[in-house]
Each structure stands twice: as structure tokens, then as C-alpha cells.
Amino acid sequence: MTKPEYYEGAFCKYLTCYVPYYYLATIHVGDQRTFNQRFHSAMWKIFMPHQFSMDRARRVAENKADNCVLTGYPSCESLLVKYKGMQCAWKNQKSEKKKIIFAPHHSINEDTGSRLSNFVEYADVMAKLARKYRNETQWSFKPHPLLKPKLYIPPGWGKKKTDEYFSFWALLENYQLDESEYGE
């Protein structure tokens, strides 16, 4: 999860807290990898998002989740704040449309069994759906920040095709490309 020299160099010398990368609502990478790595034992505190994840950590972790604290999910707190004067994130439309967020993950070519993305298989399907239902829907293409550079590499995608695909979402009236922070 990080460079090996950081474990003893940081985690064992400093009180280190960890907020899980995702909400822990799935078991797609397995409980051992999610709760019982050396990394997890090196943390002073791990902030658990909900009771289900806390119970799973107690069941799986060698330290029985002694360093886990049930806090909610700090990464989502910005979604609870109502910003005064904040503009709507969606482009203005002539009529009300159903809003769809297409937010693919970056793990397009993972061979480790932890591939979370089906973007390569469904990229064209999603674009066709957006075109087909353009009068009824409004789309936000909000890719993981690492997806674009990873798409530049494999044959069949590359820089030209990737840039064209991203431009497709950025230019049309009922589509938009959102490459900002998750909460925006």
C-alpha cells in the first residue's frame, strides 16, 4: 500500500491515523487485504465508517481491531455541508432531465484479482446510451483521476483515443466532464 521504508520510518515512530480509501461497503478485495495487513497493525488509529466494517475488522484482524474507532466516514463530510452561494454542478438545460453520473475506476488492467473497473468493456456502451437518451438524460463523466493516464498506455486506447473520449463528454450540451474533487 506504500513504500516499504515508510512502515518503520513513519508508522512505528509517529502516531499515524488512517481513513480507509473507500467506504468498506463491499468485500471485493477480501477481508484480509482490507483489515489485516501489516499496514493496519502499524496504525495508531483507523477510523471506521460504520458498524458493519467495525465488526468485520474485529472478526478478521489479528489485533481484533484494537486500533479501530467507529467515527463515520470523514471523506464524505463535505457532502453534508450546504454551501451558501454554491452554483449547481450541472450544466443548465432547456428542460429537466434525469441526471446520471458515470464514474469509472482506474484499475483497467490489474492482473492481481483486484480489478474494480469495467471501463474498457463499457466505455462505448455508455457513450451510446448518452447519445440515445440525450433528450431525457444529462450525464456527468467523472473518472477517477488515475484513469486518463492509465488509458494512455494500452494498445487500443492510447493518448489520441483517450483525449477524444474525454472531449466527447466535455463538449456536448447534455454531457459534462467533471475532473474536480469527489465532493464537487
Foldseek 3Di string as FASTA:
>chain_A
DDDPVCLVVPLQPDQAEEEDPDLPPDQQPHLCVRQEDPVNVSHQAYEHADDVVLCSNLVPYPVSRPRYDHDHHVVCVLLVDDDPPDDDPFFDDPDDAAEEEAEFEQQPPDPPSNRDGPCVVCLVVVLVVCVVCVVHYAYEYEYDLNNLVSQLPDPVGHNVNSVVSQVSQPPDRRHHYDDDDPSD
